[in-house]
N, C-alpha and C. Protein backbone atom coordinates (compact mmCIF):
# COMPACT_ATOMS: atom_id res chain seq x y z
N MET A 1 123.69 104.41 37.78
CA MET A 1 122.85 104.95 36.74
C MET A 1 123.06 106.46 36.68
N LYS A 2 123.25 106.95 35.49
CA LYS A 2 123.56 108.36 35.29
C LYS A 2 122.29 109.11 34.88
N LYS A 3 122.00 110.18 35.59
CA LYS A 3 120.89 111.07 35.24
C LYS A 3 121.46 112.47 35.02
N PHE A 4 120.79 113.24 34.19
CA PHE A 4 121.28 114.55 33.83
C PHE A 4 120.28 115.62 34.24
N SER A 5 120.78 116.82 34.51
CA SER A 5 119.90 117.95 34.82
C SER A 5 119.22 118.43 33.55
N GLN A 6 118.17 119.20 33.71
CA GLN A 6 117.44 119.74 32.55
C GLN A 6 118.38 120.60 31.70
N ASN A 7 119.23 121.39 32.34
CA ASN A 7 120.18 122.24 31.62
C ASN A 7 121.16 121.38 30.80
N GLU A 8 121.67 120.31 31.40
CA GLU A 8 122.58 119.41 30.68
C GLU A 8 121.88 118.74 29.51
N ILE A 9 120.64 118.33 29.71
CA ILE A 9 119.87 117.68 28.64
C ILE A 9 119.67 118.65 27.49
N ASP A 10 119.27 119.88 27.79
CA ASP A 10 119.06 120.88 26.73
C ASP A 10 120.35 121.12 25.94
N LYS A 11 121.47 121.22 26.64
CA LYS A 11 122.76 121.44 25.97
C LYS A 11 123.12 120.24 25.09
N PHE A 12 122.88 119.02 25.58
CA PHE A 12 123.18 117.82 24.80
C PHE A 12 122.32 117.77 23.55
N ILE A 13 121.03 118.06 23.68
CA ILE A 13 120.11 118.05 22.53
C ILE A 13 120.57 119.06 21.47
N GLU A 14 121.02 120.22 21.90
CA GLU A 14 121.50 121.25 20.97
C GLU A 14 122.70 120.76 20.16
N LEU A 15 123.50 119.89 20.74
CA LEU A 15 124.69 119.38 20.05
C LEU A 15 124.35 118.39 18.94
N LEU A 16 123.21 117.71 19.06
CA LEU A 16 122.86 116.63 18.14
C LEU A 16 122.26 117.13 16.83
N ASP A 17 122.55 116.40 15.75
CA ASP A 17 122.00 116.71 14.43
C ASP A 17 120.95 115.64 14.09
N PHE A 18 119.68 116.00 14.26
CA PHE A 18 118.58 115.08 13.98
C PHE A 18 118.11 115.17 12.53
N SER A 19 118.79 115.94 11.69
CA SER A 19 118.29 116.23 10.34
C SER A 19 118.68 115.20 9.27
N LYS A 20 119.57 114.30 9.56
CA LYS A 20 120.13 113.44 8.51
C LYS A 20 119.27 112.23 8.16
N ILE A 21 118.44 111.78 9.07
CA ILE A 21 117.61 110.60 8.83
C ILE A 21 116.15 111.03 8.87
N GLU A 22 115.39 110.58 7.89
CA GLU A 22 113.97 110.90 7.83
C GLU A 22 113.28 110.56 9.16
N GLY A 23 112.45 111.45 9.62
CA GLY A 23 111.76 111.24 10.88
C GLY A 23 112.44 111.89 12.06
N GLY A 24 113.57 112.55 11.82
CA GLY A 24 114.26 113.27 12.89
C GLY A 24 114.80 112.37 13.99
N VAL A 25 115.45 111.28 13.57
CA VAL A 25 116.03 110.34 14.53
C VAL A 25 117.54 110.25 14.34
N VAL A 26 118.19 109.76 15.39
CA VAL A 26 119.62 109.46 15.31
C VAL A 26 119.83 108.01 15.75
N PRO A 27 120.83 107.34 15.19
CA PRO A 27 121.15 105.99 15.69
C PRO A 27 121.65 106.08 17.13
N MET A 28 121.27 105.10 17.93
CA MET A 28 121.73 105.04 19.30
C MET A 28 122.21 103.61 19.57
N ILE A 29 123.48 103.49 19.86
CA ILE A 29 124.13 102.20 20.10
C ILE A 29 124.22 101.97 21.60
N ALA A 30 123.87 100.77 22.02
CA ALA A 30 124.04 100.39 23.43
C ALA A 30 125.22 99.43 23.51
N GLN A 31 126.13 99.71 24.42
CA GLN A 31 127.35 98.93 24.60
C GLN A 31 127.51 98.61 26.09
N ASP A 32 127.89 97.38 26.40
CA ASP A 32 128.11 96.99 27.79
C ASP A 32 129.23 97.85 28.37
N TYR A 33 128.97 98.49 29.50
CA TYR A 33 129.95 99.44 30.06
C TYR A 33 131.18 98.76 30.62
N LYS A 34 131.10 97.48 30.95
CA LYS A 34 132.27 96.78 31.48
C LYS A 34 133.07 96.07 30.40
N THR A 35 132.39 95.36 29.49
CA THR A 35 133.09 94.53 28.50
C THR A 35 133.27 95.21 27.15
N ASN A 36 132.53 96.29 26.91
CA ASN A 36 132.50 97.00 25.62
C ASN A 36 131.83 96.20 24.51
N GLU A 37 131.14 95.11 24.85
CA GLU A 37 130.40 94.35 23.85
C GLU A 37 129.25 95.21 23.33
N VAL A 38 129.10 95.29 22.00
CA VAL A 38 127.99 96.01 21.41
C VAL A 38 126.73 95.18 21.62
N LEU A 39 125.72 95.78 22.22
CA LEU A 39 124.50 95.05 22.56
C LEU A 39 123.40 95.22 21.53
N MET A 40 123.23 96.44 21.03
CA MET A 40 122.15 96.67 20.08
C MET A 40 122.31 98.04 19.43
N LEU A 41 121.56 98.21 18.35
CA LEU A 41 121.44 99.49 17.67
C LEU A 41 119.96 99.76 17.49
N ALA A 42 119.54 100.95 17.87
CA ALA A 42 118.16 101.38 17.66
C ALA A 42 118.22 102.86 17.29
N PHE A 43 117.07 103.49 17.22
CA PHE A 43 117.01 104.91 16.87
C PHE A 43 116.35 105.68 17.99
N ALA A 44 116.65 106.97 18.06
CA ALA A 44 116.05 107.83 19.07
C ALA A 44 115.72 109.18 18.45
N ASN A 45 114.51 109.66 18.75
CA ASN A 45 114.18 111.03 18.39
C ASN A 45 114.51 111.91 19.60
N GLU A 46 114.24 113.20 19.49
CA GLU A 46 114.60 114.10 20.59
C GLU A 46 113.91 113.70 21.89
N GLU A 47 112.64 113.33 21.81
CA GLU A 47 111.90 112.95 23.02
C GLU A 47 112.51 111.71 23.69
N ALA A 48 112.93 110.74 22.89
CA ALA A 48 113.55 109.52 23.45
C ALA A 48 114.88 109.85 24.11
N VAL A 49 115.66 110.73 23.50
CA VAL A 49 116.94 111.14 24.09
C VAL A 49 116.68 111.85 25.41
N ARG A 50 115.73 112.76 25.41
CA ARG A 50 115.41 113.48 26.65
C ARG A 50 114.99 112.52 27.76
N GLN A 51 114.11 111.58 27.44
CA GLN A 51 113.64 110.64 28.45
C GLN A 51 114.79 109.77 28.97
N SER A 52 115.67 109.35 28.06
CA SER A 52 116.83 108.55 28.46
C SER A 52 117.69 109.30 29.46
N LEU A 53 117.96 110.56 29.18
CA LEU A 53 118.83 111.34 30.05
C LEU A 53 118.16 111.74 31.35
N GLU A 54 116.84 111.96 31.30
CA GLU A 54 116.10 112.31 32.52
C GLU A 54 116.02 111.14 33.49
N THR A 55 115.80 109.95 32.96
CA THR A 55 115.56 108.78 33.82
C THR A 55 116.80 107.94 34.08
N GLY A 56 117.79 108.03 33.19
CA GLY A 56 118.97 107.18 33.30
C GLY A 56 118.74 105.78 32.74
N ILE A 57 117.58 105.56 32.13
CA ILE A 57 117.22 104.28 31.52
C ILE A 57 117.06 104.51 30.02
N ALA A 58 117.68 103.66 29.19
CA ALA A 58 117.64 103.85 27.74
C ALA A 58 116.21 103.80 27.21
N CYS A 59 115.89 104.77 26.38
CA CYS A 59 114.60 104.86 25.71
C CYS A 59 114.88 105.11 24.24
N TYR A 60 114.15 104.44 23.39
CA TYR A 60 114.36 104.54 21.95
C TYR A 60 113.06 104.96 21.27
N TYR A 61 113.14 105.18 19.96
CA TYR A 61 111.95 105.49 19.17
C TYR A 61 111.76 104.39 18.13
N SER A 62 110.62 103.75 18.17
CA SER A 62 110.30 102.71 17.19
C SER A 62 109.79 103.37 15.92
N ARG A 63 110.55 103.23 14.85
CA ARG A 63 110.13 103.83 13.57
C ARG A 63 108.96 103.08 12.97
N SER A 64 108.86 101.78 13.22
CA SER A 64 107.75 101.01 12.65
C SER A 64 106.44 101.26 13.41
N ARG A 65 106.53 101.37 14.74
CA ARG A 65 105.33 101.61 15.54
C ARG A 65 105.07 103.10 15.78
N LYS A 66 106.05 103.92 15.42
CA LYS A 66 105.97 105.37 15.58
C LYS A 66 105.63 105.78 17.02
N LYS A 67 106.40 105.21 17.95
CA LYS A 67 106.20 105.57 19.36
C LYS A 67 107.48 105.33 20.14
N LEU A 68 107.55 105.96 21.31
CA LEU A 68 108.68 105.74 22.20
C LEU A 68 108.67 104.31 22.71
N TRP A 69 109.87 103.81 22.96
CA TRP A 69 110.03 102.43 23.40
C TRP A 69 111.10 102.42 24.48
N LYS A 70 110.66 102.29 25.72
CA LYS A 70 111.60 102.20 26.84
C LYS A 70 112.13 100.77 26.86
N LYS A 71 113.42 100.62 26.65
CA LYS A 71 114.02 99.29 26.63
C LYS A 71 113.69 98.57 27.93
N GLY A 72 113.10 97.38 27.80
CA GLY A 72 112.76 96.59 28.97
C GLY A 72 111.37 96.84 29.52
N GLU A 73 110.57 97.67 28.82
CA GLU A 73 109.25 97.99 29.36
C GLU A 73 108.36 96.75 29.49
N GLU A 74 108.56 95.78 28.63
CA GLU A 74 107.77 94.55 28.72
C GLU A 74 108.54 93.44 29.44
N SER A 75 109.83 93.32 29.16
CA SER A 75 110.63 92.21 29.69
C SER A 75 111.26 92.50 31.05
N GLY A 76 111.44 93.77 31.36
CA GLY A 76 112.19 94.14 32.56
C GLY A 76 113.68 94.21 32.32
N HIS A 77 114.11 93.95 31.08
CA HIS A 77 115.54 93.92 30.73
C HIS A 77 116.00 95.34 30.38
N ILE A 78 116.04 96.19 31.38
CA ILE A 78 116.38 97.59 31.17
C ILE A 78 117.87 97.79 30.95
N GLN A 79 118.19 98.97 30.43
CA GLN A 79 119.58 99.38 30.24
C GLN A 79 119.81 100.63 31.07
N GLU A 80 120.61 100.51 32.12
CA GLU A 80 120.94 101.65 32.98
C GLU A 80 122.14 102.38 32.37
N ILE A 81 121.95 103.62 32.05
CA ILE A 81 123.00 104.42 31.40
C ILE A 81 124.11 104.74 32.40
N GLN A 82 125.33 104.42 32.00
CA GLN A 82 126.52 104.73 32.81
C GLN A 82 127.27 105.93 32.23
N ASN A 83 127.39 105.97 30.91
CA ASN A 83 128.07 107.07 30.20
C ASN A 83 127.38 107.27 28.87
N ILE A 84 127.55 108.46 28.32
CA ILE A 84 126.96 108.77 27.02
C ILE A 84 127.98 109.52 26.17
N PHE A 85 128.08 109.12 24.91
CA PHE A 85 129.03 109.72 23.96
C PHE A 85 128.28 110.07 22.68
N ILE A 86 128.83 111.03 21.93
CA ILE A 86 128.34 111.28 20.57
C ILE A 86 129.53 111.20 19.62
N ASP A 87 129.24 110.89 18.37
CA ASP A 87 130.32 110.75 17.39
C ASP A 87 130.75 112.12 16.85
N CYS A 88 131.76 112.10 16.01
CA CYS A 88 132.36 113.34 15.50
C CYS A 88 131.40 114.15 14.62
N TYR A 89 130.39 113.52 14.04
CA TYR A 89 129.41 114.22 13.20
C TYR A 89 128.22 114.71 14.03
N ARG A 90 128.18 114.31 15.29
CA ARG A 90 127.10 114.68 16.21
C ARG A 90 125.74 114.13 15.76
N ASP A 91 125.78 112.97 15.09
CA ASP A 91 124.52 112.39 14.62
C ASP A 91 124.33 110.93 15.05
N THR A 92 125.15 110.46 15.98
CA THR A 92 125.02 109.11 16.52
C THR A 92 125.38 109.14 18.00
N ILE A 93 124.60 108.42 18.78
CA ILE A 93 124.83 108.35 20.23
C ILE A 93 125.32 106.96 20.60
N LEU A 94 126.27 106.92 21.51
CA LEU A 94 126.73 105.66 22.09
C LEU A 94 126.43 105.71 23.59
N LEU A 95 125.62 104.75 24.02
CA LEU A 95 125.32 104.61 25.45
C LEU A 95 126.15 103.47 26.01
N LYS A 96 126.89 103.74 27.07
CA LYS A 96 127.53 102.67 27.83
C LYS A 96 126.52 102.32 28.91
N VAL A 97 126.08 101.07 28.93
CA VAL A 97 124.97 100.69 29.80
C VAL A 97 125.29 99.48 30.67
N LYS A 98 124.57 99.42 31.77
CA LYS A 98 124.52 98.22 32.60
C LYS A 98 123.25 97.50 32.17
N GLN A 99 123.43 96.40 31.45
CA GLN A 99 122.30 95.66 30.88
C GLN A 99 121.74 94.69 31.90
N LYS A 100 120.44 94.74 32.12
CA LYS A 100 119.76 93.75 32.96
C LYS A 100 119.38 92.57 32.08
N VAL A 101 119.78 91.40 32.42
CA VAL A 101 119.52 90.11 31.76
C VAL A 101 120.08 90.07 30.35
N ALA A 102 119.41 90.69 29.37
CA ALA A 102 119.84 90.62 27.98
C ALA A 102 119.25 91.76 27.17
N ALA A 103 119.92 92.11 26.09
CA ALA A 103 119.44 93.17 25.21
C ALA A 103 118.55 92.64 24.09
N CYS A 104 118.79 91.43 23.65
CA CYS A 104 118.11 90.91 22.46
C CYS A 104 116.80 90.19 22.81
N HIS A 105 115.77 90.52 22.07
CA HIS A 105 114.46 89.90 22.31
C HIS A 105 114.43 88.42 21.96
N THR A 106 115.49 87.92 21.29
CA THR A 106 115.54 86.49 20.94
C THR A 106 116.14 85.65 22.07
N GLY A 107 116.57 86.32 23.15
CA GLY A 107 117.09 85.60 24.30
C GLY A 107 118.59 85.70 24.49
N PHE A 108 119.30 86.27 23.52
CA PHE A 108 120.75 86.40 23.62
C PHE A 108 121.10 87.72 24.32
N TYR A 109 122.28 87.73 24.95
CA TYR A 109 122.72 88.94 25.65
C TYR A 109 122.84 90.11 24.69
N SER A 110 123.41 89.87 23.51
CA SER A 110 123.59 90.90 22.49
C SER A 110 122.77 90.57 21.25
N CYS A 111 122.29 91.60 20.59
CA CYS A 111 121.60 91.39 19.31
C CYS A 111 122.60 90.95 18.23
N PHE A 112 123.87 91.17 18.47
CA PHE A 112 124.92 90.82 17.51
C PHE A 112 125.54 89.48 17.89
N HIS A 113 124.73 88.44 17.85
CA HIS A 113 125.18 87.10 18.23
C HIS A 113 125.37 86.16 17.04
N ARG A 114 125.24 86.71 15.83
CA ARG A 114 125.44 85.90 14.63
C ARG A 114 126.59 86.47 13.81
N GLU A 115 127.55 85.62 13.52
CA GLU A 115 128.73 86.03 12.75
C GLU A 115 128.65 85.41 11.36
N PHE A 116 128.97 86.21 10.35
CA PHE A 116 129.00 85.72 8.97
C PHE A 116 130.38 85.13 8.70
N VAL A 117 130.43 83.82 8.51
CA VAL A 117 131.68 83.11 8.31
C VAL A 117 131.53 82.17 7.11
N GLU A 118 132.43 82.31 6.15
CA GLU A 118 132.47 81.44 4.98
C GLU A 118 131.09 81.24 4.34
N GLY A 119 130.40 82.35 4.16
CA GLY A 119 129.13 82.33 3.44
C GLY A 119 127.91 81.95 4.25
N LYS A 120 128.05 81.78 5.57
CA LYS A 120 126.87 81.45 6.37
C LYS A 120 126.94 82.10 7.74
N LEU A 121 125.79 82.16 8.39
CA LEU A 121 125.72 82.75 9.72
C LEU A 121 125.96 81.68 10.78
N ILE A 122 126.85 82.01 11.70
CA ILE A 122 127.18 81.14 12.83
C ILE A 122 126.71 81.83 14.10
N THR A 123 125.92 81.13 14.90
CA THR A 123 125.46 81.70 16.17
C THR A 123 126.56 81.57 17.21
N ARG A 124 126.86 82.68 17.86
CA ARG A 124 127.88 82.73 18.91
C ARG A 124 127.18 82.89 20.25
N GLY A 125 127.58 82.12 21.21
CA GLY A 125 126.99 82.21 22.53
C GLY A 125 125.70 81.41 22.64
N LYS A 126 125.10 81.49 23.80
CA LYS A 126 123.87 80.76 24.09
C LYS A 126 122.82 81.74 24.61
N PRO A 127 121.55 81.45 24.36
CA PRO A 127 120.51 82.32 24.92
C PRO A 127 120.60 82.34 26.45
N VAL A 128 120.27 83.49 27.03
CA VAL A 128 120.29 83.63 28.48
C VAL A 128 118.88 83.63 29.07
N PHE A 129 117.87 83.65 28.20
CA PHE A 129 116.48 83.52 28.65
C PHE A 129 115.64 83.00 27.49
N ASN A 130 114.47 82.48 27.83
CA ASN A 130 113.53 81.97 26.83
C ASN A 130 112.51 83.07 26.52
N PRO A 131 112.49 83.57 25.29
CA PRO A 131 111.55 84.65 24.95
C PRO A 131 110.08 84.28 25.20
N ASP A 132 109.72 83.02 25.02
CA ASP A 132 108.34 82.59 25.24
C ASP A 132 107.91 82.77 26.70
N ASP A 133 108.88 82.76 27.62
CA ASP A 133 108.58 82.92 29.03
C ASP A 133 108.47 84.40 29.42
N VAL A 134 108.94 85.28 28.54
CA VAL A 134 109.04 86.70 28.88
C VAL A 134 108.03 87.57 28.15
N TYR A 135 107.83 87.30 26.84
CA TYR A 135 107.00 88.18 26.04
C TYR A 135 105.60 87.62 25.84
N LYS A 136 104.63 88.52 25.91
CA LYS A 136 103.23 88.14 25.68
C LYS A 136 103.01 87.90 24.20
N LYS A 137 102.17 86.96 23.90
CA LYS A 137 101.85 86.67 22.49
C LYS A 137 100.67 87.50 22.03
């Protein structure tokens, strides 16, 4: 798990452009650090980025709930940050993570488990956990 110093975090925040999306957020992609499988896409404001880098655990910002969301806070399915990248426009973050159990709340390892083929969605893979056993109703 990678953690950053306060100085490194401040420098990283200065590099990012939070101005392009309403609400001062940037897209943050989580990718499996070993297989390069894309696990999920969420958004992060400055506070979520800071918390992610301070703790080494991915933290996002929920635009619908308007609050920070530490991945795995309810399920325990955390994402341990191994590496962090930004794109050429400095407005998107890519986290290479060690995913605990699964990234998708529907039970699949990746949120990108449905492929559009010949006009319909095909589910790829199998769930790795039962959401009813993990999430409170």
